[in-house]
Amino acid sequence: KTTKKVVVYAVSFTSCPKLGAKGLSRVLDAPAVLLHSLRSVSTNSRYQYRYVAFVHPDAIPCTVIGGEAPYDLTKLGFDEILIKNSPVQLKEIQDDYYRRTVQENGCCGEKEFLKLYAYTLADADVVVHLDSDILFFNPIDDLFDAMTTMNRTHSTVATMHDRPLPDQPIDIFFTRDYAQMSRYSRDSSKFAIQGGFIMVRPNQTIFEELVQLIRQGDFRELEGWEGKHYGGYYGAAQVQGLLSYYYGERYPHNRAVELNPCIYNSLVAVPPENE
């Protein structure tokens, strides 16, 4: 009997809303619907699934048994709850400007980097990190197939601009947030990687390299990461800009594949104000 390859769906929880008991219950409504949609499209999948939650200590009261919420992540169906601090604490960031910016440019400050723990789940073949406000309407086994095998002759993966898949292992599938564009560059390869859907092959080395980049904090005013114009949009100092910069400048292989956002991770595109 062939052992099914393991796909982990991961969601990060960074804090609890300050809305009383009703707010504490609502924080789990979105992931409950997300998990239901995942199960609905995965009934006949060729893969084995696990559901993992990365929970920051600030989010324990509204997500974990013994907290204040009327129900918790285990009852929603998460198989594993990992209590995690940010992989980089603010005091570890060497650059003063970046230390300030990472707290202001995005939703969750340094807690947003919990998403990077997706790279550390070494017992999985593929990890898909998701924001909880996502719904699945169709299976994505075509992506798992492309990431876990080199036999891609009949692949149906819809890449951006119909680019061919690389003839080597794929380490990340992603989409970009084209609606945001960038105030620093019109080069779309420097636009934000959309942080709500990131599919990776676990890789401890990449995790450690990303953590080191955050610690160094070479993120410059009006110039972005390393002064190379990866920035000028929401989340530029966090995961969205960091990953765009890393795979555009630091990653030595052609193993990062941009997907067509009309097919995968489709968003309502709201143009930036005053554009």
Protein backbone atom coordinates (compact mmCIF):
# COMPACT_ATOMS: atom_id res chain seq x y z
CA LYS A 1 0.00 0.00 0.00
CA THR A 2 1.37 3.39 -1.03
CA THR A 3 1.69 5.86 1.82
CA LYS A 4 -0.06 9.13 1.10
CA LYS A 5 2.10 12.23 1.10
CA VAL A 6 1.35 14.68 3.90
CA VAL A 7 -0.02 18.16 3.36
CA VAL A 8 -0.30 20.52 6.33
CA TYR A 9 -2.69 23.43 6.28
CA ALA A 10 -1.49 26.03 8.80
CA VAL A 11 -3.13 29.15 10.20
CA SER A 12 -1.56 31.72 12.54
CA PHE A 13 -3.33 33.39 15.45
CA THR A 14 -1.56 36.50 16.73
CA SER A 15 -3.91 38.13 19.26
CA CYS A 16 -7.43 38.30 20.65
CA PRO A 17 -9.93 41.03 19.72
CA LYS A 18 -10.91 43.54 22.38
CA LEU A 19 -14.62 43.08 21.83
CA GLY A 20 -15.77 41.13 24.88
CA ALA A 21 -17.21 37.62 24.82
CA LYS A 22 -18.88 38.08 21.42
CA GLY A 23 -15.58 39.12 19.86
CA LEU A 24 -13.76 36.18 21.41
CA SER A 25 -16.19 33.75 19.80
CA ARG A 26 -16.03 35.47 16.43
CA VAL A 27 -12.27 35.04 16.25
CA LEU A 28 -12.87 31.34 15.57
CA ASP A 29 -15.80 31.67 13.15
CA ALA A 30 -13.58 32.32 10.11
CA PRO A 31 -11.20 29.37 10.69
CA ALA A 32 -14.22 27.12 11.35
CA VAL A 33 -15.61 27.97 7.91
CA LEU A 34 -12.14 27.65 6.34
CA LEU A 35 -11.64 24.13 7.74
CA HIS A 36 -15.12 23.12 6.61
CA SER A 37 -14.33 24.27 3.06
CA LEU A 38 -11.01 22.40 3.09
CA ARG A 39 -12.65 19.16 4.18
CA SER A 40 -15.37 19.59 1.58
CA VAL A 41 -12.91 19.72 -1.32
CA SER A 42 -10.54 17.08 0.05
CA THR A 43 -12.84 14.05 0.30
CA ASN A 44 -11.27 12.13 -2.57
CA SER A 45 -7.80 13.61 -2.40
CA ARG A 46 -4.67 11.55 -2.95
CA TYR A 47 -3.04 13.30 0.00
CA GLN A 48 -3.19 13.00 3.76
CA TYR A 49 -4.03 16.24 5.55
CA ARG A 50 -3.23 17.79 8.91
CA TYR A 51 -4.44 21.08 10.30
CA VAL A 52 -1.96 23.05 12.40
CA ALA A 53 -2.40 26.31 14.31
CA PHE A 54 0.50 28.59 15.22
CA VAL A 55 -0.73 30.46 18.31
CA HIS A 56 1.07 33.46 19.75
CA PRO A 57 0.87 33.66 23.57
CA ASP A 58 -1.28 36.80 23.18
CA ALA A 59 -3.89 34.70 21.34
CA ILE A 60 -4.14 31.88 23.88
CA PRO A 61 -7.20 33.27 25.71
CA CYS A 62 -9.41 33.09 22.63
CA THR A 63 -8.09 29.95 20.93
CA VAL A 64 -6.88 27.33 23.40
CA ILE A 65 -8.57 25.12 25.99
CA GLY A 66 -8.80 26.92 29.30
CA GLY A 67 -9.05 30.35 27.70
CA GLU A 68 -11.99 32.72 27.64
CA ALA A 69 -13.54 31.63 24.33
CA PRO A 70 -16.62 29.37 24.44
CA TYR A 71 -14.93 26.94 22.07
CA ASP A 72 -11.37 26.35 20.96
CA LEU A 73 -9.20 25.28 18.05
CA THR A 74 -9.18 21.58 18.95
CA LYS A 75 -12.97 21.48 18.74
CA LEU A 76 -12.80 23.10 15.31
CA GLY A 77 -10.65 20.22 14.08
CA PHE A 78 -7.08 21.46 14.31
CA ASP A 79 -4.83 18.45 14.81
CA GLU A 80 -1.98 20.34 16.42
CA ILE A 81 -1.69 23.62 18.28
CA LEU A 82 1.82 25.05 18.48
CA ILE A 83 2.34 27.93 20.91
CA LYS A 84 4.92 30.17 19.26
CA ASN A 85 6.47 33.53 19.92
CA SER A 86 7.57 35.51 16.90
CA PRO A 87 10.76 33.97 15.46
CA VAL A 88 12.34 37.41 15.87
CA GLN A 89 11.65 39.69 18.83
CA LEU A 90 11.64 43.44 18.28
CA LYS A 91 14.70 43.90 20.51
CA GLU A 92 16.67 41.58 18.21
CA ILE A 93 16.17 43.79 15.14
CA GLN A 94 19.39 45.72 14.62
CA ASP A 95 18.14 48.59 12.47
CA ASP A 96 16.18 51.34 14.28
CA TYR A 97 14.12 52.39 11.25
CA TYR A 98 13.08 48.85 10.44
CA ARG A 99 12.28 48.11 14.08
CA ARG A 100 9.80 51.01 14.05
CA THR A 101 8.43 50.26 10.60
CA VAL A 102 7.69 46.58 11.21
CA GLN A 103 5.30 47.61 13.99
CA GLU A 104 3.41 50.06 11.77
CA ASN A 105 3.38 48.60 8.25
CA GLY A 106 0.93 45.72 8.36
CA CYS A 107 -1.66 44.08 10.55
CA CYS A 108 0.25 42.39 13.34
CA GLY A 109 3.71 43.84 13.83
CA GLU A 110 6.46 41.26 14.33
CA LYS A 111 3.79 38.64 15.13
CA GLU A 112 3.10 38.41 11.38
CA PHE A 113 6.32 36.41 11.14
CA LEU A 114 4.61 33.45 12.80
CA LYS A 115 3.77 32.46 9.23
CA LEU A 116 7.42 31.62 8.65
CA TYR A 117 7.13 28.60 10.93
CA ALA A 118 5.53 26.88 7.95
CA TYR A 119 9.09 26.25 6.74
CA THR A 120 9.92 24.32 9.92
CA LEU A 121 7.29 21.52 9.72
CA ALA A 122 9.81 18.97 8.49
CA ASP A 123 7.48 15.95 8.73
CA ALA A 124 5.22 17.38 5.98
CA ASP A 125 5.78 17.14 2.24
CA VAL A 126 3.95 20.42 1.62
CA VAL A 127 2.75 23.21 3.95
CA VAL A 128 0.06 25.66 2.93
CA HIS A 129 -0.14 28.68 5.21
CA LEU A 130 -3.48 30.45 5.00
CA ASP A 131 -5.19 33.47 6.44
CA SER A 132 -8.45 32.46 8.03
CA ASP A 133 -10.62 34.61 5.74
CA ILE A 134 -10.21 32.23 2.78
CA LEU A 135 -12.63 29.72 1.26
CA PHE A 136 -11.79 26.73 -0.94
CA PHE A 137 -14.20 25.79 -3.73
CA ASN A 138 -12.05 23.22 -5.54
CA PRO A 139 -9.18 20.88 -4.61
CA ILE A 140 -5.63 22.02 -5.34
CA ASP A 141 -4.07 18.59 -5.80
CA ASP A 142 -2.58 19.86 -9.07
CA LEU A 143 -0.30 22.11 -7.02
CA PHE A 144 0.61 19.33 -4.60
CA ASP A 145 1.41 17.04 -7.54
CA ALA A 146 3.70 19.63 -9.09
CA MET A 147 5.50 20.27 -5.81
CA THR A 148 6.02 16.64 -4.81
CA THR A 149 6.99 15.07 -8.13
CA MET A 150 9.08 15.89 -11.17
CA ASN A 151 6.60 14.22 -13.52
CA ARG A 152 4.79 17.33 -14.77
CA THR A 153 4.11 16.36 -18.38
CA HIS A 154 0.34 16.65 -17.93
CA SER A 155 0.34 19.34 -15.25
CA THR A 156 -2.67 21.67 -15.24
CA VAL A 157 -1.11 24.29 -12.94
CA ALA A 158 -2.06 27.79 -14.09
CA THR A 159 1.06 29.93 -13.72
CA MET A 160 1.24 33.68 -14.15
CA HIS A 161 1.63 34.59 -17.83
CA ASP A 162 1.51 30.82 -18.59
CA ARG A 163 5.16 30.44 -17.77
CA PRO A 164 6.37 26.83 -17.88
CA LEU A 165 7.05 25.06 -14.61
CA PRO A 166 10.77 24.72 -13.82
CA ASP A 167 12.52 21.44 -14.56
CA GLN A 168 13.65 21.20 -10.93
CA PRO A 169 11.93 20.90 -7.55
CA ILE A 170 9.48 23.71 -6.72
CA ASP A 171 9.98 25.26 -3.28
CA ILE A 172 7.15 27.81 -3.19
CA PHE A 173 3.88 28.60 -4.97
CA PHE A 174 2.51 32.11 -4.44
CA THR A 175 0.41 34.90 -5.93
CA ARG A 176 1.09 38.63 -5.95
CA ASP A 177 -1.09 41.49 -4.76
CA TYR A 178 -1.29 43.50 -7.99
CA ALA A 179 -4.03 45.81 -6.71
CA GLN A 180 -1.58 47.38 -4.25
CA MET A 181 1.20 47.87 -6.81
CA SER A 182 4.14 49.77 -5.26
CA ARG A 183 4.98 53.39 -4.58
CA TYR A 184 8.66 52.62 -5.18
CA SER A 185 8.69 50.63 -8.40
CA ARG A 186 6.59 49.70 -11.43
CA ASP A 187 8.50 46.43 -11.74
CA SER A 188 5.79 43.88 -10.90
CA SER A 189 8.38 41.33 -9.79
CA LYS A 190 8.93 43.58 -6.76
CA PHE A 191 5.25 43.81 -5.80
CA ALA A 192 3.97 42.16 -2.65
CA ILE A 193 3.61 38.40 -2.39
CA GLN A 194 0.05 37.93 -1.16
CA GLY A 195 0.45 36.74 2.41
CA GLY A 196 -2.88 34.97 2.78
CA PHE A 197 -1.90 31.94 0.67
CA ILE A 198 1.66 30.64 0.64
CA MET A 199 2.55 27.05 -0.26
CA VAL A 200 6.05 25.85 0.59
CA ARG A 201 8.17 22.78 0.92
CA PRO A 202 9.54 22.77 4.49
CA ASN A 203 13.12 23.99 4.56
CA GLN A 204 14.92 24.87 7.78
CA THR A 205 17.71 26.66 5.91
CA ILE A 206 15.30 29.06 4.22
CA PHE A 207 13.61 29.69 7.58
CA GLU A 208 16.93 30.59 9.19
CA GLU A 209 17.93 32.83 6.29
CA LEU A 210 14.63 34.74 6.51
CA VAL A 211 15.02 35.13 10.26
CA GLN A 212 18.51 36.51 9.76
CA LEU A 213 17.23 39.05 7.22
CA ILE A 214 14.65 40.26 9.72
CA ARG A 215 17.28 40.59 12.45
CA GLN A 216 19.54 42.62 10.16
CA GLY A 217 16.58 44.75 9.07
CA ASP A 218 18.08 46.28 5.93
CA PHE A 219 14.80 47.94 5.00
CA ARG A 220 15.32 51.53 3.83
CA GLU A 221 12.97 54.48 3.79
CA LEU A 222 11.52 55.07 0.28
CA GLU A 223 13.71 52.23 -1.06
CA GLY A 224 12.50 49.07 0.71
CA TRP A 225 14.53 45.92 1.25
CA GLU A 226 18.28 46.45 0.70
CA GLY A 227 17.43 49.65 -1.21
CA LYS A 228 16.17 47.58 -4.17
CA HIS A 229 12.59 48.91 -4.14
CA TYR A 230 10.85 45.91 -2.65
CA GLY A 231 8.38 48.01 -0.73
CA GLY A 232 5.91 50.84 -0.96
CA TYR A 233 2.84 48.77 -0.08
CA TYR A 234 0.97 47.35 2.90
CA GLY A 235 3.00 44.62 4.57
CA ALA A 236 6.24 45.55 2.81
CA ALA A 237 8.22 45.34 6.04
CA GLN A 238 6.60 42.05 6.94
CA VAL A 239 5.99 38.75 5.15
CA GLN A 240 4.60 40.21 1.91
CA GLY A 241 7.66 42.29 1.15
CA LEU A 242 10.22 40.03 2.81
CA LEU A 243 9.32 37.00 0.69
CA SER A 244 9.15 39.05 -2.50
CA TYR A 245 12.66 40.35 -1.80
CA TYR A 246 14.05 36.99 -0.69
CA TYR A 247 12.87 35.03 -3.72
CA GLY A 248 13.68 37.92 -6.07
CA GLU A 249 17.20 38.70 -4.85
CA ARG A 250 18.56 36.20 -2.34
CA TYR A 251 17.24 32.84 -3.48
CA PRO A 252 19.73 31.18 -5.86
CA HIS A 253 17.37 28.79 -7.64
CA ASN A 254 14.55 29.02 -10.15
CA ARG A 255 12.20 27.21 -7.78
CA ALA A 256 9.70 29.92 -6.89
CA VAL A 257 6.56 29.83 -9.02
CA GLU A 258 3.99 32.61 -9.28
CA LEU A 259 0.45 31.39 -9.83
CA ASN A 260 -2.35 33.00 -11.82
CA PRO A 261 -4.47 34.85 -9.24
CA CYS A 262 -7.56 34.51 -11.41
CA ILE A 263 -7.41 30.76 -10.64
CA TYR A 264 -5.71 30.53 -7.24
CA ASN A 265 -6.13 32.82 -4.23
CA SER A 266 -8.50 35.11 -6.10
CA LEU A 267 -9.16 38.41 -4.38
CA VAL A 268 -11.48 41.35 -4.92
CA ALA A 269 -9.05 43.86 -6.39
CA VAL A 270 -9.56 47.27 -4.80
CA PRO A 271 -7.23 49.81 -6.40
CA PRO A 272 -5.11 51.96 -4.09
CA GLU A 273 -6.56 55.34 -3.20
CA ASN A 274 -5.55 58.26 -5.40
CA GLU A 275 -4.18 56.01 -8.12
